[in-house]
């Protein structure tokens, strides 16, 4: 993706992260719902064009989404898809690609919450190697004449009980709905998403007053440099916070003013 589509996907990933960071959201269920909407838009070219038409108001497209799927999926899924419809896209297919990526990220988040993300990343990598070296298996999983149920059953026999449920779901979705990709390419993309997710760090930021965009950027950049990993900020406001801001990264808690902490982060990096 490039241009408007890349920006729209980045914003959607931020919304998904904020949503799935909540313990009340079932990330695996959300993944299934987003995958179902992906399949719908993959089939319906006309609907894709309507939802990505720059001449149509974003709110009108969001309302159309709510009418179409509002009663079929959870409110969280419907709101995410509505947000995608409000965004601008370089081409209609980018919307479907983005939805598919969000579904995969939601499933990887489910693995992250159960502490199995490392296992899923390893299983995806190893299964990719098995497919590359086993022409019979690859042929069976890429045979266009084979039905969805046959491929699903084959993968369940191979992975059921041997791999994590998230791994089986991701691989099954890829094999039954490749959307023009080779199996190896799809598995490689899933492995990269898993690795990216594993390297993600969440910082819970509580401030006495809402942070400006500039302050969020500076804080995120400083924390990323300090910890050496991509940092996702969960923001909250509490007027009682002593010193103006409180940052928690894992078990480590940093208290103090924003300026003081940024200066200290810079000093620690310099040393």
Protein backbone atom coordinates (compact mmCIF):
# COMPACT_ATOMS: atom_id res chain seq x y z
CA UNK A 1 0.00 0.00 0.00
CA UNK A 2 1.02 3.60 -0.41
CA UNK A 3 -0.26 7.11 0.10
CA UNK A 4 -3.73 7.39 1.56
CA UNK A 5 -4.13 3.63 1.99
CA UNK A 6 -1.01 3.32 4.13
CA UNK A 7 -2.19 6.15 6.38
CA UNK A 8 -5.67 4.64 6.65
CA UNK A 9 -4.26 1.24 7.63
CA UNK A 10 -1.94 2.76 10.23
CA UNK A 11 -4.85 4.59 11.83
CA UNK A 12 -6.98 1.43 11.77
CA UNK A 13 -4.22 -0.56 13.46
CA UNK A 14 -4.05 2.05 16.21
CA UNK A 15 -7.81 1.74 16.73
CA UNK A 16 -7.55 -2.04 16.82
CA UNK A 17 -4.71 -1.91 19.35
CA UNK A 18 -6.68 0.43 21.60
CA UNK A 19 -9.72 -1.82 21.35
CA UNK A 20 -7.98 -5.15 21.95
CA UNK A 21 -5.91 -3.78 24.82
CA UNK A 22 -9.18 -3.86 26.74
CA UNK A 23 -9.63 -7.11 28.66
CA UNK A 24 -13.34 -7.11 27.84
CA UNK A 25 -12.78 -7.63 24.10
CA UNK A 26 -12.58 -11.20 22.77
CA UNK A 27 -9.77 -10.78 20.22
CA UNK A 28 -10.31 -14.23 18.67
CA UNK A 29 -14.01 -13.55 18.09
CA UNK A 30 -13.19 -10.13 16.67
CA UNK A 31 -10.71 -11.78 14.28
CA UNK A 32 -13.39 -14.16 13.01
CA UNK A 33 -15.82 -11.30 12.46
CA UNK A 34 -13.29 -9.18 10.58
CA UNK A 35 -12.38 -12.20 8.47
CA UNK A 36 -16.05 -12.70 7.59
CA UNK A 37 -16.34 -9.06 6.47
CA UNK A 38 -13.12 -9.49 4.48
CA UNK A 39 -14.68 -12.42 2.63
CA UNK A 40 -17.83 -10.39 1.94
CA UNK A 41 -15.94 -7.45 0.45
CA UNK A 42 -13.64 -9.78 -1.48
CA UNK A 43 -16.72 -11.22 -3.21
CA UNK A 44 -18.61 -7.95 -3.72
CA UNK A 45 -16.60 -5.69 -6.01
CA UNK A 46 -19.45 -3.20 -6.27
CA UNK A 47 -19.63 -2.78 -2.52
CA UNK A 48 -15.86 -2.29 -2.35
CA UNK A 49 -16.09 0.50 -4.88
CA UNK A 50 -18.93 2.22 -3.00
CA UNK A 51 -17.09 2.07 0.34
CA UNK A 52 -13.88 3.50 -1.15
CA UNK A 53 -15.46 6.08 -3.45
CA UNK A 54 -13.78 9.43 -2.55
CA UNK A 55 -16.79 11.30 -3.94
CA UNK A 56 -19.05 9.85 -1.22
CA UNK A 57 -19.10 11.40 2.28
CA UNK A 58 -17.28 9.29 4.83
CA UNK A 59 -20.16 9.33 7.27
CA UNK A 60 -22.60 8.10 4.63
CA UNK A 61 -20.29 5.16 3.90
CA UNK A 62 -19.98 4.41 7.61
CA UNK A 63 -23.75 4.38 7.96
CA UNK A 64 -24.00 1.96 5.04
CA UNK A 65 -21.61 -0.38 6.84
CA UNK A 66 -23.72 -0.24 9.98
CA UNK A 67 -26.87 -1.07 8.00
CA UNK A 68 -25.18 -3.99 6.25
CA UNK A 69 -23.33 -5.68 9.10
CA UNK A 70 -24.45 -3.94 12.29
CA UNK A 71 -26.73 -6.81 13.26
CA UNK A 72 -24.38 -9.54 12.05
CA UNK A 73 -21.19 -8.79 14.01
CA UNK A 74 -20.29 -7.24 17.35
CA UNK A 75 -20.36 -3.50 17.86
CA UNK A 76 -16.57 -3.46 18.05
CA UNK A 77 -16.20 -5.10 14.63
CA UNK A 78 -18.86 -2.89 13.06
CA UNK A 79 -17.18 0.24 14.44
CA UNK A 80 -13.78 -0.81 13.10
CA UNK A 81 -15.18 -1.44 9.61
CA UNK A 82 -17.10 1.85 9.76
CA UNK A 83 -13.85 3.64 10.57
CA UNK A 84 -12.23 2.03 7.54
CA UNK A 85 -15.11 3.20 5.37
CA UNK A 86 -14.63 6.78 6.57
CA UNK A 87 -10.97 6.71 5.53
CA UNK A 88 -9.55 7.43 2.10
CA UNK A 89 -8.09 4.57 0.05
CA UNK A 90 -5.82 4.64 -2.98
CA UNK A 91 -7.71 1.72 -4.54
CA UNK A 92 -10.68 -0.47 -3.51
CA UNK A 93 -8.62 -3.64 -3.02
CA UNK A 94 -6.57 -1.90 -0.33
CA UNK A 95 -9.64 -1.81 1.91
CA UNK A 96 -9.97 -5.60 1.74
CA UNK A 97 -6.24 -6.09 2.31
CA UNK A 98 -6.45 -3.85 5.37
CA UNK A 99 -9.41 -5.75 6.79
CA UNK A 100 -7.61 -9.04 6.32
CA UNK A 101 -4.52 -7.69 8.08
CA UNK A 102 -6.63 -6.44 10.99
CA UNK A 103 -8.24 -9.89 11.31
CA UNK A 104 -4.80 -11.51 11.44
CA UNK A 105 -3.52 -8.98 13.97
CA UNK A 106 -6.58 -9.59 16.15
CA UNK A 107 -5.83 -13.32 16.17
CA UNK A 108 -2.18 -12.66 17.01
CA UNK A 109 -3.37 -10.41 19.82
CA UNK A 110 -5.43 -13.32 21.13
CA UNK A 111 -2.22 -15.37 21.22
CA UNK A 112 -0.39 -12.50 22.92
CA UNK A 113 -3.03 -12.36 25.65
CA UNK A 114 -2.67 -16.08 26.37
CA UNK A 115 1.13 -15.94 26.34
CA UNK A 116 1.46 -18.13 23.24
CA UNK A 117 2.57 -15.58 20.65
CA UNK A 118 6.16 -16.88 20.57
CA UNK A 119 4.84 -20.39 19.91
CA UNK A 120 2.56 -19.14 17.13
CA UNK A 121 5.41 -17.29 15.42
CA UNK A 122 7.57 -20.43 15.56
CA UNK A 123 4.75 -22.68 14.31
CA UNK A 124 4.02 -20.41 11.35
CA UNK A 125 7.69 -20.42 10.40
CA UNK A 126 8.02 -24.20 10.72
CA UNK A 127 4.81 -24.86 8.81
CA UNK A 128 6.07 -22.64 6.00
CA UNK A 129 9.22 -24.75 5.80
CA UNK A 130 7.15 -27.95 5.73
CA UNK A 131 5.00 -26.63 2.88
CA UNK A 132 8.06 -25.57 0.89
CA UNK A 133 9.61 -29.03 1.18
CA UNK A 134 6.45 -31.12 0.69
CA UNK A 135 5.09 -30.76 -2.84
CA UNK A 136 2.17 -33.10 -2.15
CA UNK A 137 0.96 -31.07 0.82
CA UNK A 138 1.39 -27.82 -1.08
CA UNK A 139 -0.60 -29.21 -4.01
CA UNK A 140 -3.41 -30.33 -1.73
CA UNK A 141 -3.64 -26.95 -0.01
CA UNK A 142 -3.51 -24.93 -3.23
CA UNK A 143 -5.76 -27.11 -5.37
CA UNK A 144 -8.52 -24.84 -6.65
CA UNK A 145 -10.78 -27.83 -7.21
CA UNK A 146 -10.58 -28.82 -3.54
CA UNK A 147 -13.37 -27.38 -1.41
CA UNK A 148 -13.00 -25.26 1.69
CA UNK A 149 -14.20 -28.07 3.95
CA UNK A 150 -11.62 -30.51 2.55
CA UNK A 151 -8.72 -28.09 3.14
CA UNK A 152 -10.02 -27.23 6.59
CA UNK A 153 -10.23 -30.90 7.52
CA UNK A 154 -6.75 -31.59 6.18
CA UNK A 155 -5.26 -28.73 8.19
CA UNK A 156 -7.12 -29.83 11.30
CA UNK A 157 -5.63 -33.32 10.95
CA UNK A 158 -2.18 -31.81 10.54
CA UNK A 159 -2.34 -29.03 13.15
CA UNK A 160 -5.17 -29.87 15.54
CA UNK A 161 -3.70 -30.62 18.94
CA UNK A 162 -0.15 -30.12 17.60
CA UNK A 163 -0.20 -26.37 17.06
CA UNK A 164 -1.85 -23.51 18.91
CA UNK A 165 -5.48 -22.80 17.94
CA UNK A 166 -4.47 -19.36 16.64
CA UNK A 167 -1.91 -20.94 14.30
CA UNK A 168 -4.52 -23.33 12.93
CA UNK A 169 -7.03 -20.51 12.39
CA UNK A 170 -4.49 -18.29 10.59
CA UNK A 171 -3.24 -21.05 8.32
CA UNK A 172 -6.77 -22.28 7.55
CA UNK A 173 -7.94 -18.81 6.57
CA UNK A 174 -4.93 -18.38 4.33
CA UNK A 175 -5.34 -21.76 2.61
CA UNK A 176 -9.09 -21.44 2.09
CA UNK A 177 -9.02 -17.78 1.01
CA UNK A 178 -5.58 -17.08 -0.53
CA UNK A 179 -6.83 -14.02 -2.45
CA UNK A 180 -4.31 -14.45 -5.24
CA UNK A 181 -1.24 -15.07 -3.08
CA UNK A 182 0.93 -18.14 -3.02
CA UNK A 183 0.77 -20.18 0.16
CA UNK A 184 4.43 -19.51 0.89
CA UNK A 185 4.00 -15.75 0.47
CA UNK A 186 0.98 -15.72 2.76
CA UNK A 187 2.77 -17.73 5.45
CA UNK A 188 5.77 -15.42 5.25
CA UNK A 189 3.49 -12.39 5.72
CA UNK A 190 1.86 -14.00 8.74
CA UNK A 191 5.26 -14.77 10.25
CA UNK A 192 6.32 -11.14 9.82
CA UNK A 193 3.12 -9.91 11.47
CA UNK A 194 3.71 -12.25 14.40
CA UNK A 195 7.30 -11.07 14.79
CA UNK A 196 6.21 -7.45 14.65
CA UNK A 197 3.55 -8.11 17.26
CA UNK A 198 6.02 -9.89 19.53
CA UNK A 199 8.37 -6.90 19.43
CA UNK A 200 5.60 -4.47 20.34
CA UNK A 201 5.72 -2.86 23.77
CA UNK A 202 2.76 -1.16 25.44
CA UNK A 203 3.30 1.92 27.59
CA UNK A 204 0.37 2.91 29.79
CA UNK A 205 0.56 6.71 30.05
CA UNK A 206 -1.51 8.51 32.67
CA UNK A 207 -1.31 12.29 32.63
CA UNK A 208 -2.90 15.04 34.69
CA UNK A 209 -4.16 16.71 31.50
CA UNK A 210 -4.57 15.36 27.93
CA UNK A 211 -1.31 15.28 26.00
CA UNK A 212 -1.00 17.23 22.77
CA UNK A 213 -0.13 15.47 19.52
CA UNK A 214 3.38 16.89 19.76
CA UNK A 215 3.80 15.63 23.34
CA UNK A 216 2.58 12.15 22.36
CA UNK A 217 5.04 12.05 19.46
CA UNK A 218 7.96 13.16 21.65
CA UNK A 219 7.09 10.72 24.41
CA UNK A 220 6.62 7.83 22.00
CA UNK A 221 9.92 8.57 20.24
CA UNK A 222 11.80 8.87 23.54
CA UNK A 223 10.39 5.61 24.90
CA UNK A 224 11.08 3.79 21.64
CA UNK A 225 14.73 4.89 21.77
CA UNK A 226 14.96 4.07 25.46
CA UNK A 227 13.59 0.53 25.18
CA UNK A 228 14.77 -0.21 21.65
CA UNK A 229 11.38 -1.53 20.57
CA UNK A 230 8.27 -0.13 18.89
CA UNK A 231 6.13 1.53 21.53
CA UNK A 232 2.33 1.69 21.61
CA UNK A 233 0.91 4.33 23.95
CA UNK A 234 -2.30 3.72 25.88
CA UNK A 235 -3.36 7.15 27.11
CA UNK A 236 -5.45 7.99 30.17
CA UNK A 237 -6.17 11.21 32.07
CA UNK A 238 -6.17 11.46 35.88
CA UNK A 239 -5.94 14.93 37.49
CA UNK A 240 -4.53 13.31 40.65
CA UNK A 241 -1.34 12.10 38.97
CA UNK A 242 1.63 13.40 40.93
CA UNK A 243 4.18 15.21 38.81
CA UNK A 244 1.90 15.50 35.83
CA UNK A 245 2.55 12.11 34.20
CA UNK A 246 2.98 8.43 35.01
CA UNK A 247 4.35 5.91 32.50
CA UNK A 248 4.24 2.16 33.05
CA UNK A 249 6.08 -0.22 30.74
CA UNK A 250 5.66 -3.76 31.96
CA UNK A 251 6.65 -3.75 35.63
CA UNK A 252 8.63 -0.51 35.38
CA UNK A 253 6.91 2.69 36.48
CA UNK A 254 8.25 6.15 35.64
CA UNK A 255 6.85 9.18 37.48
CA UNK A 256 7.56 12.84 36.90
CA UNK A 257 6.88 15.72 34.54
CA UNK A 258 6.88 15.10 30.82
CA UNK A 259 9.82 17.42 30.23
CA UNK A 260 11.86 15.87 33.03
CA UNK A 261 11.30 12.34 31.81
CA UNK A 262 12.11 13.21 28.22
CA UNK A 263 15.32 14.89 29.35
CA UNK A 264 16.23 11.86 31.47
CA UNK A 265 15.51 9.53 28.56
CA UNK A 266 17.83 11.58 26.36
CA UNK A 267 20.57 11.52 29.02
CA UNK A 268 20.25 7.74 29.43
CA UNK A 269 20.54 7.28 25.69
CA UNK A 270 23.62 9.49 25.57
CA UNK A 271 25.32 7.51 28.29
